[in-house]
Amino acid sequence: MRAEWIAAGPMAMAMLLCGKEEKVLGAQKAPGSCPYCGGGVAATDVEAKWVLCCLPLCRRTKRRFACTACARRLVTYPAILHDD
């Protein structure tokens, strides 16, 4: 096994030392419908944490939306405000 890690080089070691951990905090039904199939939308709160050698570097909480019927991930865009 050690020979495999040595042969893999520093890139494999970097992947071992650095990583991204994600944990689902909760899920709930969201308003609206899927633009592709018309199914319901579910909102999932996810906490993402970048780690380096078991030390957390960055922690972010995101809300992801997905269709409950076709399982597509739905992306929201910020509202564009016009000065009229």
PDB file of N, CA and C in Angstrom:
ATOM      1  N   MET A   1       0.823  -1.186   0.000  1.00  0.00           N
ATOM      2  CA  MET A   1       0.000   0.000   0.000  1.00  0.00           C
ATOM      3  C   MET A   1       0.872   1.258   0.000  1.00  0.00           C
ATOM      4  N   ARG A   2       1.944   1.260   0.742  1.00  0.00           N
ATOM      5  CA  ARG A   2       2.819   2.431   0.781  1.00  0.00           C
ATOM      6  C   ARG A   2       3.412   2.707  -0.592  1.00  0.00           C
ATOM      7  N   ALA A   3       3.756   1.675  -1.337  1.00  0.00           N
ATOM      8  CA  ALA A   3       4.318   1.860  -2.675  1.00  0.00           C
ATOM      9  C   ALA A   3       3.313   2.538  -3.599  1.00  0.00           C
ATOM     10  N   GLU A   4       2.016   2.262  -3.414  1.00  0.00           N
ATOM     11  CA  GLU A   4       0.998   2.899  -4.242  1.00  0.00           C
ATOM     12  C   GLU A   4       0.936   4.401  -3.964  1.00  0.00           C
ATOM     13  N   TRP A   5       1.039   4.810  -2.682  1.00  0.00           N
ATOM     14  CA  TRP A   5       0.993   6.230  -2.344  1.00  0.00           C
ATOM     15  C   TRP A   5       2.227   6.957  -2.869  1.00  0.00           C
ATOM     16  N   ILE A   6       3.373   6.300  -2.799  1.00  0.00           N
ATOM     17  CA  ILE A   6       4.590   6.922  -3.311  1.00  0.00           C
ATOM     18  C   ILE A   6       4.498   7.075  -4.827  1.00  0.00           C
ATOM     19  N   ALA A   7       3.957   6.066  -5.502  1.00  0.00           N
ATOM     20  CA  ALA A   7       3.823   6.121  -6.956  1.00  0.00           C
ATOM     21  C   ALA A   7       2.788   7.162  -7.379  1.00  0.00           C
ATOM     22  N   ALA A   8       1.787   7.413  -6.534  1.00  0.00           N
ATOM     23  CA  ALA A   8       0.736   8.361  -6.887  1.00  0.00           C
ATOM     24  C   ALA A   8       1.259   9.795  -6.881  1.00  0.00           C
ATOM     25  N   GLY A   9       2.226  10.099  -6.056  1.00  0.00           N
ATOM     26  CA  GLY A   9       2.836  11.415  -6.054  1.00  0.00           C
ATOM     27  C   GLY A   9       2.157  12.397  -5.122  1.00  0.00           C
ATOM     28  N   PRO A  10       2.579  13.651  -5.179  1.00  0.00           N
ATOM     29  CA  PRO A  10       2.085  14.666  -4.251  1.00  0.00           C
ATOM     30  C   PRO A  10       0.627  15.049  -4.485  1.00  0.00           C
ATOM     31  N   MET A  11       0.106  14.851  -5.693  1.00  0.00           N
ATOM     32  CA  MET A  11      -1.289  15.218  -5.958  1.00  0.00           C
ATOM     33  C   MET A  11      -2.242  14.358  -5.141  1.00  0.00           C
ATOM     34  N   ALA A  12      -1.949  13.069  -5.031  1.00  0.00           N
ATOM     35  CA  ALA A  12      -2.793  12.177  -4.231  1.00  0.00           C
ATOM     36  C   ALA A  12      -2.717  12.544  -2.760  1.00  0.00           C
ATOM     37  N   MET A  13      -1.553  12.936  -2.301  1.00  0.00           N
ATOM     38  CA  MET A  13      -1.404  13.340  -0.906  1.00  0.00           C
ATOM     39  C   MET A  13      -2.170  14.632  -0.636  1.00  0.00           C
ATOM     40  N   ALA A  14      -2.190  15.552  -1.595  1.00  0.00           N
ATOM     41  CA  ALA A  14      -2.943  16.794  -1.432  1.00  0.00           C
ATOM     42  C   ALA A  14      -4.434  16.515  -1.352  1.00  0.00           C
ATOM     43  N   MET A  15      -4.908  15.560  -2.134  1.00  0.00           N
ATOM     44  CA  MET A  15      -6.323  15.200  -2.079  1.00  0.00           C
ATOM     45  C   MET A  15      -6.669  14.563  -0.741  1.00  0.00           C
ATOM     46  N   LEU A  16      -5.721  13.867  -0.148  1.00  0.00           N
ATOM     47  CA  LEU A  16      -5.946  13.246   1.146  1.00  0.00           C
ATOM     48  C   LEU A  16      -5.975  14.297   2.248  1.00  0.00           C
ATOM     49  N   LEU A  17      -5.130  15.313   2.148  1.00  0.00           N
ATOM     50  CA  LEU A  17      -5.013  16.310   3.194  1.00  0.00           C
ATOM     51  C   LEU A  17      -6.070  17.401   3.098  1.00  0.00           C
ATOM     52  N   CYS A  18      -6.499  17.724   1.887  1.00  0.00           N
ATOM     53  CA  CYS A  18      -7.492  18.773   1.683  1.00  0.00           C
ATOM     54  C   CYS A  18      -8.803  18.128   1.249  1.00  0.00           C
ATOM     55  N   GLY A  19      -9.895  18.744   1.629  1.00  0.00           N
ATOM     56  CA  GLY A  19     -11.168  18.182   1.199  1.00  0.00           C
ATOM     57  C   GLY A  19     -12.327  19.085   1.550  1.00  0.00           C
ATOM     58  N   LYS A  20     -13.487  18.677   1.102  1.00  0.00           N
ATOM     59  CA  LYS A  20     -14.716  19.410   1.350  1.00  0.00           C
ATOM     60  C   LYS A  20     -15.709  18.446   1.984  1.00  0.00           C
ATOM     61  N   GLU A  21     -16.214  18.815   3.137  1.00  0.00           N
ATOM     62  CA  GLU A  21     -17.217  18.008   3.813  1.00  0.00           C
ATOM     63  C   GLU A  21     -18.551  18.736   3.723  1.00  0.00           C
ATOM     64  N   GLU A  22     -19.597  17.989   3.418  1.00  0.00           N
ATOM     65  CA  GLU A  22     -20.933  18.577   3.357  1.00  0.00           C
ATOM     66  C   GLU A  22     -21.861  17.811   4.293  1.00  0.00           C
ATOM     67  N   LYS A  23     -22.712  18.567   5.001  1.00  0.00           N
ATOM     68  CA  LYS A  23     -23.666  17.960   5.919  1.00  0.00           C
ATOM     69  C   LYS A  23     -25.028  18.589   5.681  1.00  0.00           C
ATOM     70  N   VAL A  24     -26.042  17.762   5.507  1.00  0.00           N
ATOM     71  CA  VAL A  24     -27.405  18.253   5.297  1.00  0.00           C
ATOM     72  C   VAL A  24     -27.986  18.634   6.650  1.00  0.00           C
ATOM     73  N   LEU A  25     -28.417  19.895   6.768  1.00  0.00           N
ATOM     74  CA  LEU A  25     -28.973  20.385   8.022  1.00  0.00           C
ATOM     75  C   LEU A  25     -30.480  20.169   8.102  1.00  0.00           C
ATOM     76  N   GLY A  26     -31.164  20.244   6.965  1.00  0.00           N
ATOM     77  CA  GLY A  26     -32.611  20.069   6.955  1.00  0.00           C
ATOM     78  C   GLY A  26     -33.168  20.225   5.557  1.00  0.00           C
ATOM     79  N   ALA A  27     -34.389  19.764   5.381  1.00  0.00           N
ATOM     80  CA  ALA A  27     -35.064  19.876   4.084  1.00  0.00           C
ATOM     81  C   ALA A  27     -36.519  20.253   4.327  1.00  0.00           C
ATOM     82  N   GLN A  28     -37.066  21.029   3.395  1.00  0.00           N
ATOM     83  CA  GLN A  28     -38.469  21.431   3.501  1.00  0.00           C
ATOM     84  C   GLN A  28     -39.024  21.707   2.114  1.00  0.00           C
ATOM     85  N   LYS A  29     -40.333  21.755   2.031  1.00  0.00           N
ATOM     86  CA  LYS A  29     -40.991  22.046   0.762  1.00  0.00           C
ATOM     87  C   LYS A  29     -40.873  23.534   0.472  1.00  0.00           C
ATOM     88  N   ALA A  30     -40.557  23.857  -0.777  1.00  0.00           N
ATOM     89  CA  ALA A  30     -40.396  25.255  -1.188  1.00  0.00           C
ATOM     90  C   ALA A  30     -41.545  25.648  -2.118  1.00  0.00           C
ATOM     91  N   PRO A  31     -41.885  26.933  -2.153  1.00  0.00           N
ATOM     92  CA  PRO A  31     -42.943  27.368  -3.061  1.00  0.00           C
ATOM     93  C   PRO A  31     -42.479  27.315  -4.512  1.00  0.00           C
ATOM     94  N   GLY A  32     -43.427  27.174  -5.411  1.00  0.00           N
ATOM     95  CA  GLY A  32     -43.113  27.160  -6.838  1.00  0.00           C
ATOM     96  C   GLY A  32     -43.146  25.757  -7.406  1.00  0.00           C
ATOM     97  N   SER A  33     -42.820  25.665  -8.692  1.00  0.00           N
ATOM     98  CA  SER A  33     -42.808  24.373  -9.374  1.00  0.00           C
ATOM     99  C   SER A  33     -41.601  24.297 -10.297  1.00  0.00           C
ATOM    100  N   CYS A  34     -41.248  23.086 -10.668  1.00  0.00           N
ATOM    101  CA  CYS A  34     -40.101  22.844 -11.541  1.00  0.00           C
ATOM    102  C   CYS A  34     -40.415  23.361 -12.948  1.00  0.00           C
ATOM    103  N   PRO A  35     -39.520  24.148 -13.563  1.00  0.00           N
ATOM    104  CA  PRO A  35     -39.770  24.638 -14.918  1.00  0.00           C
ATOM    105  C   PRO A  35     -39.636  23.548 -15.982  1.00  0.00           C
ATOM    106  N   TYR A  36     -39.051  22.403 -15.646  1.00  0.00           N
ATOM    107  CA  TYR A  36     -38.843  21.325 -16.615  1.00  0.00           C
ATOM    108  C   TYR A  36     -40.014  20.346 -16.653  1.00  0.00           C
ATOM    109  N   CYS A  37     -40.524  19.942 -15.476  1.00  0.00           N
ATOM    110  CA  CYS A  37     -41.576  18.920 -15.458  1.00  0.00           C
ATOM    111  C   CYS A  37     -42.827  19.358 -14.708  1.00  0.00           C
ATOM    112  N   GLY A  38     -42.768  20.475 -13.982  1.00  0.00           N
ATOM    113  CA  GLY A  38     -43.933  20.943 -13.241  1.00  0.00           C
ATOM    114  C   GLY A  38     -44.084  20.326 -11.861  1.00  0.00           C
ATOM    115  N   GLY A  39     -43.125  19.540 -11.425  1.00  0.00           N
ATOM    116  CA  GLY A  39     -43.168  18.899 -10.109  1.00  0.00           C
ATOM    117  C   GLY A  39     -42.905  19.884  -8.984  1.00  0.00           C
ATOM    118  N   GLY A  40     -43.020  19.405  -7.759  1.00  0.00           N
ATOM    119  CA  GLY A  40     -42.782  20.239  -6.586  1.00  0.00           C
ATOM    120  C   GLY A  40     -41.300  20.512  -6.380  1.00  0.00           C
ATOM    121  N   VAL A  41     -41.026  21.518  -5.553  1.00  0.00           N
ATOM    122  CA  VAL A  41     -39.644  21.922  -5.286  1.00  0.00           C
ATOM    123  C   VAL A  41     -39.345  21.694  -3.813  1.00  0.00           C
ATOM    124  N   ALA A  42     -38.173  21.127  -3.526  1.00  0.00           N
ATOM    125  CA  ALA A  42     -37.712  20.926  -2.160  1.00  0.00           C
ATOM    126  C   ALA A  42     -36.474  21.777  -1.923  1.00  0.00           C
ATOM    127  N   ALA A  43     -36.425  22.440  -0.771  1.00  0.00           N
ATOM    128  CA  ALA A  43     -35.271  23.247  -0.386  1.00  0.00           C
ATOM    129  C   ALA A  43     -34.473  22.472   0.657  1.00  0.00           C
ATOM    130  N   THR A  44     -33.160  22.379   0.448  1.00  0.00           N
ATOM    131  CA  THR A  44     -32.293  21.656   1.367  1.00  0.00           C
ATOM    132  C   THR A  44     -31.212  22.605   1.868  1.00  0.00           C
ATOM    133  N   ASP A  45     -31.056  22.693   3.185  1.00  0.00           N
ATOM    134  CA  ASP A  45     -30.001  23.500   3.782  1.00  0.00           C
ATOM    135  C   ASP A  45     -28.771  22.620   3.970  1.00  0.00           C
ATOM    136  N   VAL A  46     -27.638  23.056   3.395  1.00  0.00           N
ATOM    137  CA  VAL A  46     -26.400  22.275   3.416  1.00  0.00           C
ATOM    138  C   VAL A  46     -25.286  23.129   4.003  1.00  0.00           C
ATOM    139  N   GLU A  47     -24.540  22.540   4.937  1.00  0.00           N
ATOM    140  CA  GLU A  47     -23.365  23.208   5.481  1.00  0.00           C
ATOM    141  C   GLU A  47     -22.131  22.605   4.825  1.00  0.00           C
ATOM    142  N   ALA A  48     -21.349  23.432   4.128  1.00  0.00           N
ATOM    143  CA  ALA A  48     -20.130  22.977   3.462  1.00  0.00           C
ATOM    144  C   ALA A  48     -18.932  23.486   4.241  1.00  0.00           C
ATOM    145  N   LYS A  49     -17.947  22.605   4.436  1.00  0.00           N
ATOM    146  CA  LYS A  49     -16.769  22.962   5.219  1.00  0.00           C
ATOM    147  C   LYS A  49     -15.529  22.478   4.483  1.00  0.00           C
ATOM    148  N   TRP A  50     -14.617  23.392   4.165  1.00  0.00           N
ATOM    149  CA  TRP A  50     -13.328  23.042   3.576  1.00  0.00           C
ATOM    150  C   TRP A  50     -12.367  22.768   4.714  1.00  0.00           C
ATOM    151  N   VAL A  51     -11.642  21.645   4.631  1.00  0.00           N
ATOM    152  CA  VAL A  51     -10.711  21.274   5.693  1.00  0.00           C
ATOM    153  C   VAL A  51      -9.317  21.037   5.122  1.00  0.00           C
ATOM    154  N   LEU A  52      -8.325  21.303   5.939  1.00  0.00           N
ATOM    155  CA  LEU A  52      -6.925  21.030   5.614  1.00  0.00           C
ATOM    156  C   LEU A  52      -6.332  20.325   6.829  1.00  0.00           C
ATOM    157  N   CYS A  53      -6.000  19.068   6.658  1.00  0.00           N
ATOM    158  CA  CYS A  53      -5.441  18.256   7.753  1.00  0.00           C
ATOM    159  C   CYS A  53      -6.347  18.299   8.983  1.00  0.00           C
ATOM    160  N   CYS A  54      -7.631  18.114   8.794  1.00  0.00           N
ATOM    161  CA  CYS A  54      -8.647  18.086   9.856  1.00  0.00           C
ATOM    162  C   CYS A  54      -8.890  19.446  10.506  1.00  0.00           C
ATOM    163  N   LEU A  55      -8.350  20.517   9.961  1.00  0.00           N
ATOM    164  CA  LEU A  55      -8.600  21.855  10.467  1.00  0.00           C
ATOM    165  C   LEU A  55      -9.557  22.575   9.529  1.00  0.00           C
ATOM    166  N   PRO A  56     -10.684  23.064  10.030  1.00  0.00           N
ATOM    167  CA  PRO A  56     -11.639  23.750   9.158  1.00  0.00           C
ATOM    168  C   PRO A  56     -11.088  25.098   8.679  1.00  0.00           C
ATOM    169  N   LEU A  57     -11.153  25.324   7.370  1.00  0.00           N
ATOM    170  CA  LEU A  57     -10.688  26.582   6.787  1.00  0.00           C
ATOM    171  C   LEU A  57     -11.831  27.540   6.513  1.00  0.00           C
ATOM    172  N   CYS A  58     -12.930  27.007   6.014  1.00  0.00           N
ATOM    173  CA  CYS A  58     -14.059  27.846   5.616  1.00  0.00           C
ATOM    174  C   CYS A  58     -15.349  27.076   5.846  1.00  0.00           C
ATOM    175  N   ARG A  59     -16.358  27.743   6.370  1.00  0.00           N
ATOM    176  CA  ARG A  59     -17.657  27.106   6.596  1.00  0.00           C
ATOM    177  C   ARG A  59     -18.736  27.999   6.001  1.00  0.00           C
ATOM    178  N   ARG A  60     -19.577  27.398   5.138  1.00  0.00           N
ATOM    179  CA  ARG A  60     -20.667  28.139   4.501  1.00  0.00           C
ATOM    180  C   ARG A  60     -21.949  27.331   4.577  1.00  0.00           C
ATOM    181  N   THR A  61     -23.039  28.015   4.769  1.00  0.00           N
ATOM    182  CA  THR A  61     -24.353  27.373   4.745  1.00  0.00           C
ATOM    183  C   THR A  61     -25.060  27.825   3.477  1.00  0.00           C
ATOM    184  N   LYS A  62     -25.533  26.848   2.709  1.00  0.00           N
ATOM    185  CA  LYS A  62     -26.202  27.137   1.437  1.00  0.00           C
ATOM    186  C   LYS A  62     -27.594  26.520   1.449  1.00  0.00           C
ATOM    187  N   ARG A  63     -28.475  27.100   0.675  1.00  0.00           N
ATOM    188  CA  ARG A  63     -29.797  26.511   0.448  1.00  0.00           C
ATOM    189  C   ARG A  63     -29.843  26.074  -1.004  1.00  0.00           C
ATOM    190  N   ARG A  64     -30.056  24.783  -1.203  1.00  0.00           N
ATOM    191  CA  ARG A  64     -30.138  24.214  -2.554  1.00  0.00           C
ATOM    192  C   ARG A  64     -31.578  23.812  -2.840  1.00  0.00           C
ATOM    193  N   PHE A  65     -31.963  24.001  -4.095  1.00  0.00           N
ATOM    194  CA  PHE A  65     -33.312  23.661  -4.519  1.00  0.00           C
ATOM    195  C   PHE A  65     -33.253  22.535  -5.541  1.00  0.00           C
ATOM    196  N   ALA A  66     -34.193  21.589  -5.433  1.00  0.00           N
ATOM    197  CA  ALA A  66     -34.253  20.463  -6.368  1.00  0.00           C
ATOM    198  C   ALA A  66     -35.708  20.081  -6.589  1.00  0.00           C
ATOM    199  N   CYS A  67     -35.985  19.522  -7.756  1.00  0.00           N
ATOM    200  CA  CYS A  67     -37.328  19.053  -8.086  1.00  0.00           C
ATOM    201  C   CYS A  67     -37.553  17.711  -7.407  1.00  0.00           C
ATOM    202  N   THR A  68     -38.751  17.510  -6.858  1.00  0.00           N
ATOM    203  CA  THR A  68     -39.057  16.250  -6.188  1.00  0.00           C
ATOM    204  C   THR A  68     -39.467  15.168  -7.189  1.00  0.00           C
ATOM    205  N   ALA A  69     -39.853  15.550  -8.403  1.00  0.00           N
ATOM    206  CA  ALA A  69     -40.291  14.559  -9.395  1.00  0.00           C
ATOM    207  C   ALA A  69     -39.142  14.097 -10.296  1.00  0.00           C
ATOM    208  N   CYS A  70     -38.410  15.042 -10.889  1.00  0.00           N
ATOM    209  CA  CYS A  70     -37.347  14.661 -11.831  1.00  0.00           C
ATOM    210  C   CYS A  70     -35.954  14.737 -11.215  1.00  0.00           C
ATOM    211  N   ALA A  71     -35.836  15.181  -9.967  1.00  0.00           N
ATOM    212  CA  ALA A  71     -34.588  15.256  -9.206  1.00  0.00           C
ATOM    213  C   ALA A  71     -33.543  16.185  -9.827  1.00  0.00           C
ATOM    214  N   ARG A  72     -33.953  17.134 -10.638  1.00  0.00           N
ATOM    215  CA  ARG A  72     -33.005  18.114 -11.188  1.00  0.00           C
ATOM    216  C   ARG A  72     -32.695  19.163 -10.134  1.00  0.00           C
ATOM    217  N   ARG A  73     -31.449  19.611 -10.142  1.00  0.00           N
ATOM    218  CA  ARG A  73     -31.067  20.699  -9.256  1.00  0.00           C
ATOM    219  C   ARG A  73     -31.475  22.004  -9.912  1.00  0.00           C
ATOM    220  N   LEU A  74     -32.173  22.831  -9.176  1.00  0.00           N
ATOM    221  CA  LEU A  74     -32.676  24.096  -9.697  1.00  0.00           C
ATOM    222  C   LEU A  74     -31.823  25.231  -9.150  1.00  0.00           C
ATOM    223  N   VAL A  75     -31.488  26.187 -10.011  1.00  0.00           N
ATOM    224  CA  VAL A  75     -30.621  27.302  -9.647  1.00  0.00           C
ATOM    225  C   VAL A  75     -31.457  28.562  -9.589  1.00  0.00           C
ATOM    226  N   THR A  76     -31.272  29.328  -8.522  1.00  0.00           N
ATOM    227  CA  THR A  76     -31.966  30.612  -8.410  1.00  0.00           C
ATOM    228  C   THR A  76     -30.991  31.720  -8.776  1.00  0.00           C
ATOM    229  N   TYR A  77     -31.505  32.759  -9.377  1.00  0.00           N
ATOM    230  CA  TYR A  77     -30.699  33.903  -9.756  1.00  0.00           C
ATOM    231  C   TYR A  77     -31.172  35.115  -8.966  1.00  0.00           C
ATOM    232  N   PRO A  78     -30.256  36.007  -8.580  1.00  0.00           N
ATOM    233  CA  PRO A  78     -30.676  37.197  -7.844  1.00  0.00           C
ATOM    234  C   PRO A  78     -31.534  38.107  -8.717  1.00  0.00           C
ATOM    235  N   ALA A  79     -32.433  38.829  -8.076  1.00  0.00           N
ATOM    236  CA  ALA A  79     -33.308  39.740  -8.805  1.00  0.00           C
ATOM    237  C   ALA A  79     -32.503  40.905  -9.376  1.00  0.00           C
ATOM    238  N   ILE A  80     -32.835  41.306 -10.575  1.00  0.00           N
ATOM    239  CA  ILE A  80     -32.182  42.439 -11.224  1.00  0.00           C
ATOM    240  C   ILE A  80     -33.063  43.661 -10.999  1.00  0.00           C
ATOM    241  N   LEU A  81     -32.494  44.656 -10.354  1.00  0.00           N
ATOM    242  CA  LEU A  81     -33.242  45.887 -10.082  1.00  0.00           C
ATOM    243  C   LEU A  81     -32.927  46.913 -11.152  1.00  0.00           C
ATOM    244  N   HIS A  82     -33.956  47.505 -11.714  1.00  0.00           N
ATOM    245  CA  HIS A  82     -33.790  48.526 -12.746  1.00  0.00           C
ATOM    246  C   HIS A  82     -34.120  49.885 -12.156  1.00  0.00           C
ATOM    247  N   ASP A  83     -33.320  50.863 -12.465  1.00  0.00           N
ATOM    248  CA  ASP A  83     -33.601  52.235 -12.043  1.00  0.00           C
ATOM    249  C   ASP A  83     -34.358  52.944 -13.147  1.00  0.00           C
ATOM    250  N   ASP A  84     -35.672  52.905 -13.067  1.00  0.00           N
ATOM    251  CA  ASP A  84     -36.517  53.556 -14.084  1.00  0.00           C
ATOM    252  C   ASP A  84     -37.177  54.772 -13.527  1.00  0.00           C
TER     253      ASP A  84
END
